[in-house]
Amino acid sequence: MLGEEGGVLSSVEADLVVQEGLAEPMITDITIDELGIQVVSFSRGLWRHKEDRPGAIRRSPAKP
C-alpha cells in the first residue's frame, strides 16, 4: 500500500522478504510501476504519484 495522511494512493499485492542487516527498505521496479510511483530524485527521496497534478513533488519520510 502506498499512502499518506490523506488516505491510500494505490496498493499492490506483493511478497515480503526480510534480509538481516539491510539498512534501507527496497522495492522492485515492477512494484514501483504498479504503485504508480514516478521517481524525481532517488538520492533526495523525491517522487510523484501517477495521479498527481503536473509539477507536484512528494518527499519520502526522513530516515530515523
PDB file of N, CA and C in Angstrom:
ATOM      1  N   MET A   1       0.842  -1.172   0.000  1.00  0.00           N
ATOM      2  CA  MET A   1       0.000   0.000   0.000  1.00  0.00           C
ATOM      3  C   MET A   1       0.891   1.241   0.000  1.00  0.00           C
ATOM      4  N   LEU A   2       0.528   2.176  -0.819  1.00  0.00           N
ATOM      5  CA  LEU A   2       1.211   3.464  -0.858  1.00  0.00           C
ATOM      6  C   LEU A   2       0.207   4.485  -0.347  1.00  0.00           C
ATOM      7  N   GLY A   3       0.510   5.103   0.784  1.00  0.00           N
ATOM      8  CA  GLY A   3      -0.446   6.022   1.371  1.00  0.00           C
ATOM      9  C   GLY A   3       0.217   7.171   2.074  1.00  0.00           C
ATOM     10  N   GLU A   4      -0.634   8.084   2.495  1.00  0.00           N
ATOM     11  CA  GLU A   4      -0.200   9.220   3.286  1.00  0.00           C
ATOM     12  C   GLU A   4      -1.342   9.585   4.209  1.00  0.00           C
ATOM     13  N   GLU A   5      -1.220  10.650   4.959  1.00  0.00           N
ATOM     14  CA  GLU A   5      -2.252  11.000   5.936  1.00  0.00           C
ATOM     15  C   GLU A   5      -3.628  11.157   5.307  1.00  0.00           C
ATOM     16  N   GLY A   6      -3.689  11.579   4.055  1.00  0.00           N
ATOM     17  CA  GLY A   6      -4.964  11.784   3.376  1.00  0.00           C
ATOM     18  C   GLY A   6      -5.626  10.505   2.911  1.00  0.00           C
ATOM     19  N   GLY A   7      -4.922   9.370   2.969  1.00  0.00           N
ATOM     20  CA  GLY A   7      -5.501   8.106   2.553  1.00  0.00           C
ATOM     21  C   GLY A   7      -4.558   7.288   1.696  1.00  0.00           C
ATOM     22  N   VAL A   8      -5.118   6.291   1.030  1.00  0.00           N
ATOM     23  CA  VAL A   8      -4.345   5.372   0.203  1.00  0.00           C
ATOM     24  C   VAL A   8      -4.256   5.914  -1.218  1.00  0.00           C
ATOM     25  N   LEU A   9      -3.026   5.993  -1.744  1.00  0.00           N
ATOM     26  CA  LEU A   9      -2.823   6.426  -3.124  1.00  0.00           C
ATOM     27  C   LEU A   9      -2.978   5.259  -4.085  1.00  0.00           C
ATOM     28  N   SER A  10      -2.405   4.107  -3.726  1.00  0.00           N
ATOM     29  CA  SER A  10      -2.503   2.902  -4.541  1.00  0.00           C
ATOM     30  C   SER A  10      -2.056   1.712  -3.706  1.00  0.00           C
ATOM     31  N   SER A  11      -2.362   0.515  -4.196  1.00  0.00           N
ATOM     32  CA  SER A  11      -1.937  -0.685  -3.476  1.00  0.00           C
ATOM     33  C   SER A  11      -1.653  -1.796  -4.475  1.00  0.00           C
ATOM     34  N   VAL A  12      -0.859  -2.743  -4.046  1.00  0.00           N
ATOM     35  CA  VAL A  12      -0.494  -3.895  -4.863  1.00  0.00           C
ATOM     36  C   VAL A  12      -0.221  -5.061  -3.928  1.00  0.00           C
ATOM     37  N   GLU A  13      -0.542  -6.255  -4.364  1.00  0.00           N
ATOM     38  CA  GLU A  13      -0.236  -7.442  -3.578  1.00  0.00           C
ATOM     39  C   GLU A  13       1.197  -7.854  -3.903  1.00  0.00           C
ATOM     40  N   ALA A  14       2.013  -8.081  -2.879  1.00  0.00           N
ATOM     41  CA  ALA A  14       3.419  -8.417  -3.082  1.00  0.00           C
ATOM     42  C   ALA A  14       3.915  -9.337  -1.976  1.00  0.00           C
ATOM     43  N   ASP A  15       5.006 -10.030  -2.257  1.00  0.00           N
ATOM     44  CA  ASP A  15       5.654 -10.873  -1.255  1.00  0.00           C
ATOM     45  C   ASP A  15       6.699 -10.047  -0.527  1.00  0.00           C
ATOM     46  N   LEU A  16       6.857 -10.294   0.755  1.00  0.00           N
ATOM     47  CA  LEU A  16       7.825  -9.590   1.585  1.00  0.00           C
ATOM     48  C   LEU A  16       8.990 -10.520   1.897  1.00  0.00           C
ATOM     49  N   VAL A  17      10.205 -10.005   1.711  1.00  0.00           N
ATOM     50  CA  VAL A  17      11.411 -10.748   2.055  1.00  0.00           C
ATOM     51  C   VAL A  17      12.199  -9.879   3.020  1.00  0.00           C
ATOM     52  N   VAL A  18      12.619 -10.456   4.143  1.00  0.00           N
ATOM     53  CA  VAL A  18      13.385  -9.721   5.144  1.00  0.00           C
ATOM     54  C   VAL A  18      14.831 -10.201   5.085  1.00  0.00           C
ATOM     55  N   GLN A  19      15.742  -9.244   4.923  1.00  0.00           N
ATOM     56  CA  GLN A  19      17.166  -9.571   4.899  1.00  0.00           C
ATOM     57  C   GLN A  19      17.835  -8.942   6.113  1.00  0.00           C
ATOM     58  N   GLU A  20      18.396  -9.767   6.969  1.00  0.00           N
ATOM     59  CA  GLU A  20      19.056  -9.282   8.170  1.00  0.00           C
ATOM     60  C   GLU A  20      20.192  -8.330   7.803  1.00  0.00           C
ATOM     61  N   GLY A  21      20.259  -7.208   8.495  1.00  0.00           N
ATOM     62  CA  GLY A  21      21.330  -6.243   8.276  1.00  0.00           C
ATOM     63  C   GLY A  21      21.072  -5.253   7.153  1.00  0.00           C
ATOM     64  N   LEU A  22      19.945  -5.356   6.488  1.00  0.00           N
ATOM     65  CA  LEU A  22      19.632  -4.425   5.406  1.00  0.00           C
ATOM     66  C   LEU A  22      19.383  -3.042   5.990  1.00  0.00           C
ATOM     67  N   ALA A  23      20.066  -2.034   5.471  1.00  0.00           N
ATOM     68  CA  ALA A  23      19.984  -0.683   6.027  1.00  0.00           C
ATOM     69  C   ALA A  23      18.769   0.096   5.540  1.00  0.00           C
ATOM     70  N   GLU A  24      18.272  -0.207   4.335  1.00  0.00           N
ATOM     71  CA  GLU A  24      17.149   0.532   3.781  1.00  0.00           C
ATOM     72  C   GLU A  24      16.141  -0.432   3.177  1.00  0.00           C
ATOM     73  N   PRO A  25      14.857  -0.083   3.214  1.00  0.00           N
ATOM     74  CA  PRO A  25      13.871  -0.927   2.539  1.00  0.00           C
ATOM     75  C   PRO A  25      14.070  -0.828   1.027  1.00  0.00           C
ATOM     76  N   MET A  26      13.816  -1.924   0.336  1.00  0.00           N
ATOM     77  CA  MET A  26      13.971  -1.943  -1.117  1.00  0.00           C
ATOM     78  C   MET A  26      12.709  -2.502  -1.758  1.00  0.00           C
ATOM     79  N   ILE A  27      12.305  -1.917  -2.877  1.00  0.00           N
ATOM     80  CA  ILE A  27      11.204  -2.477  -3.655  1.00  0.00           C
ATOM     81  C   ILE A  27      11.662  -2.598  -5.106  1.00  0.00           C
ATOM     82  N   THR A  28      11.064  -3.519  -5.836  1.00  0.00           N
ATOM     83  CA  THR A  28      11.475  -3.771  -7.210  1.00  0.00           C
ATOM     84  C   THR A  28      10.867  -2.747  -8.169  1.00  0.00           C
ATOM     85  N   ASP A  29      11.433  -2.688  -9.364  1.00  0.00           N
ATOM     86  CA  ASP A  29      10.919  -1.774 -10.376  1.00  0.00           C
ATOM     87  C   ASP A  29       9.479  -2.103 -10.760  1.00  0.00           C
ATOM     88  N   ILE A  30       9.120  -3.365 -10.748  1.00  0.00           N
ATOM     89  CA  ILE A  30       7.743  -3.758 -11.067  1.00  0.00           C
ATOM     90  C   ILE A  30       6.787  -3.222 -10.002  1.00  0.00           C
ATOM     91  N   THR A  31       7.181  -3.328  -8.725  1.00  0.00           N
ATOM     92  CA  THR A  31       6.349  -2.816  -7.631  1.00  0.00           C
ATOM     93  C   THR A  31       6.221  -1.301  -7.720  1.00  0.00           C
ATOM     94  N   ILE A  32       7.307  -0.627  -8.046  1.00  0.00           N
ATOM     95  CA  ILE A  32       7.277   0.836  -8.211  1.00  0.00           C
ATOM     96  C   ILE A  32       6.268   1.217  -9.283  1.00  0.00           C
ATOM     97  N   ASP A  33       6.306   0.535 -10.430  1.00  0.00           N
ATOM     98  CA  ASP A  33       5.353   0.800 -11.512  1.00  0.00           C
ATOM     99  C   ASP A  33       3.914   0.526 -11.080  1.00  0.00           C
ATOM    100  N   GLU A  34       3.694  -0.615 -10.433  1.00  0.00           N
ATOM    101  CA  GLU A  34       2.339  -0.989 -10.024  1.00  0.00           C
ATOM    102  C   GLU A  34       1.754  -0.009  -9.015  1.00  0.00           C
ATOM    103  N   LEU A  35       2.600   0.580  -8.169  1.00  0.00           N
ATOM    104  CA  LEU A  35       2.130   1.555  -7.184  1.00  0.00           C
ATOM    105  C   LEU A  35       1.943   2.949  -7.792  1.00  0.00           C
ATOM    106  N   GLY A  36       2.415   3.135  -9.015  1.00  0.00           N
ATOM    107  CA  GLY A  36       2.250   4.427  -9.675  1.00  0.00           C
ATOM    108  C   GLY A  36       3.264   5.468  -9.240  1.00  0.00           C
ATOM    109  N   ILE A  37       4.422   5.019  -8.765  1.00  0.00           N
ATOM    110  CA  ILE A  37       5.462   5.937  -8.307  1.00  0.00           C
ATOM    111  C   ILE A  37       6.292   6.398  -9.502  1.00  0.00           C
ATOM    112  N   GLN A  38       6.481   7.708  -9.616  1.00  0.00           N
ATOM    113  CA  GLN A  38       7.341   8.291 -10.638  1.00  0.00           C
ATOM    114  C   GLN A  38       8.473   9.004  -9.902  1.00  0.00           C
ATOM    115  N   VAL A  39       9.677   8.468 -10.015  1.00  0.00           N
ATOM    116  CA  VAL A  39      10.824   8.988  -9.272  1.00  0.00           C
ATOM    117  C   VAL A  39      11.309  10.294  -9.885  1.00  0.00           C
ATOM    118  N   VAL A  40      11.493  11.296  -9.033  1.00  0.00           N
ATOM    119  CA  VAL A  40      12.081  12.570  -9.444  1.00  0.00           C
ATOM    120  C   VAL A  40      13.568  12.549  -9.096  1.00  0.00           C
ATOM    121  N   SER A  41      13.905  12.120  -7.863  1.00  0.00           N
ATOM    122  CA  SER A  41      15.296  12.011  -7.427  1.00  0.00           C
ATOM    123  C   SER A  41      15.407  10.892  -6.404  1.00  0.00           C
ATOM    124  N   PHE A  42      16.180   9.867  -6.735  1.00  0.00           N
ATOM    125  CA  PHE A  42      16.394   8.770  -5.793  1.00  0.00           C
ATOM    126  C   PHE A  42      17.123   9.256  -4.551  1.00  0.00           C
ATOM    127  N   SER A  43      18.231   9.970  -4.729  1.00  0.00           N
ATOM    128  CA  SER A  43      19.080  10.346  -3.592  1.00  0.00           C
ATOM    129  C   SER A  43      18.413  11.338  -2.647  1.00  0.00           C
ATOM    130  N   ARG A  44      17.519  12.178  -3.167  1.00  0.00           N
ATOM    131  CA  ARG A  44      16.837  13.152  -2.314  1.00  0.00           C
ATOM    132  C   ARG A  44      15.454  12.669  -1.871  1.00  0.00           C
ATOM    133  N   GLY A  45      15.051  11.489  -2.326  1.00  0.00           N
ATOM    134  CA  GLY A  45      13.761  10.923  -1.918  1.00  0.00           C
ATOM    135  C   GLY A  45      12.572  11.687  -2.473  1.00  0.00           C
ATOM    136  N   LEU A  46      12.697  12.222  -3.687  1.00  0.00           N
ATOM    137  CA  LEU A  46      11.620  12.997  -4.298  1.00  0.00           C
ATOM    138  C   LEU A  46      10.897  12.151  -5.341  1.00  0.00           C
ATOM    139  N   TRP A  47       9.567  12.223  -5.299  1.00  0.00           N
ATOM    140  CA  TRP A  47       8.769  11.428  -6.219  1.00  0.00           C
ATOM    141  C   TRP A  47       7.394  12.046  -6.401  1.00  0.00           C
ATOM    142  N   ARG A  48       6.645  11.514  -7.340  1.00  0.00           N
ATOM    143  CA  ARG A  48       5.241  11.898  -7.522  1.00  0.00           C
ATOM    144  C   ARG A  48       4.449  10.627  -7.796  1.00  0.00           C
ATOM    145  N   HIS A  49       3.147  10.718  -7.608  1.00  0.00           N
ATOM    146  CA  HIS A  49       2.255   9.609  -7.929  1.00  0.00           C
ATOM    147  C   HIS A  49       1.670   9.869  -9.305  1.00  0.00           C
ATOM    148  N   LYS A  50       1.389   8.813 -10.048  1.00  0.00           N
ATOM    149  CA  LYS A  50       0.894   8.962 -11.412  1.00  0.00           C
ATOM    150  C   LYS A  50      -0.394   9.785 -11.505  1.00  0.00           C
ATOM    151  N   GLU A  51      -1.144   9.892 -10.423  1.00  0.00           N
ATOM    152  CA  GLU A  51      -2.393  10.655 -10.408  1.00  0.00           C
ATOM    153  C   GLU A  51      -2.203  12.098  -9.915  1.00  0.00           C
ATOM    154  N   ASP A  52      -0.983  12.465  -9.512  1.00  0.00           N
ATOM    155  CA  ASP A  52      -0.719  13.825  -9.035  1.00  0.00           C
ATOM    156  C   ASP A  52      -0.844  14.827 -10.178  1.00  0.00           C
ATOM    157  N   ARG A  53      -1.123  16.059  -9.821  1.00  0.00           N
ATOM    158  CA  ARG A  53      -1.159  17.125 -10.822  1.00  0.00           C
ATOM    159  C   ARG A  53       0.250  17.338 -11.365  1.00  0.00           C
ATOM    160  N   PRO A  54       0.383  17.823 -12.592  1.00  0.00           N
ATOM    161  CA  PRO A  54       1.718  18.067 -13.151  1.00  0.00           C
ATOM    162  C   PRO A  54       2.523  19.021 -12.255  1.00  0.00           C
ATOM    163  N   GLY A  55       3.767  18.700 -12.055  1.00  0.00           N
ATOM    164  CA  GLY A  55       4.638  19.541 -11.241  1.00  0.00           C
ATOM    165  C   GLY A  55       4.616  19.220  -9.758  1.00  0.00           C
ATOM    166  N   ALA A  56       3.682  18.389  -9.303  1.00  0.00           N
ATOM    167  CA  ALA A  56       3.620  18.026  -7.882  1.00  0.00           C
ATOM    168  C   ALA A  56       4.815  17.150  -7.528  1.00  0.00           C
ATOM    169  N   ILE A  57       5.416  17.408  -6.383  1.00  0.00           N
ATOM    170  CA  ILE A  57       6.544  16.593  -5.923  1.00  0.00           C
ATOM    171  C   ILE A  57       6.316  16.228  -4.459  1.00  0.00           C
ATOM    172  N   ARG A  58       6.490  14.953  -4.154  1.00  0.00           N
ATOM    173  CA  ARG A  58       6.375  14.463  -2.779  1.00  0.00           C
ATOM    174  C   ARG A  58       7.765  14.116  -2.258  1.00  0.00           C
ATOM    175  N   ARG A  59       7.904  14.086  -0.951  1.00  0.00           N
ATOM    176  CA  ARG A  59       9.196  13.748  -0.327  1.00  0.00           C
ATOM    177  C   ARG A  59       8.997  12.510   0.539  1.00  0.00           C
ATOM    178  N   SER A  60       9.896  11.548   0.394  1.00  0.00           N
ATOM    179  CA  SER A  60       9.858  10.349   1.239  1.00  0.00           C
ATOM    180  C   SER A  60      10.137  10.742   2.687  1.00  0.00           C
ATOM    181  N   PRO A  61       9.598   9.990   3.645  1.00  0.00           N
ATOM    182  CA  PRO A  61       9.874  10.286   5.055  1.00  0.00           C
ATOM    183  C   PRO A  61      11.372  10.236   5.332  1.00  0.00           C
ATOM    184  N   ALA A  62      11.821  11.069   6.244  1.00  0.00           N
ATOM    185  CA  ALA A  62      13.235  11.095   6.638  1.00  0.00           C
ATOM    186  C   ALA A  62      13.606   9.799   7.325  1.00  0.00           C
ATOM    187  N   LYS A  63      14.854   9.386   7.161  1.00  0.00           N
ATOM    188  CA  LYS A  63      15.350   8.179   7.828  1.00  0.00           C
ATOM    189  C   LYS A  63      15.508   8.455   9.312  1.00  0.00           C
ATOM    190  N   PRO A  64      15.168   7.474  10.158  1.00  0.00           N
ATOM    191  CA  PRO A  64      15.301   7.683  11.610  1.00  0.00           C
ATOM    192  C   PRO A  64      16.737   7.795  12.049  1.00  0.00           C
TER     193      PRO A  64
END
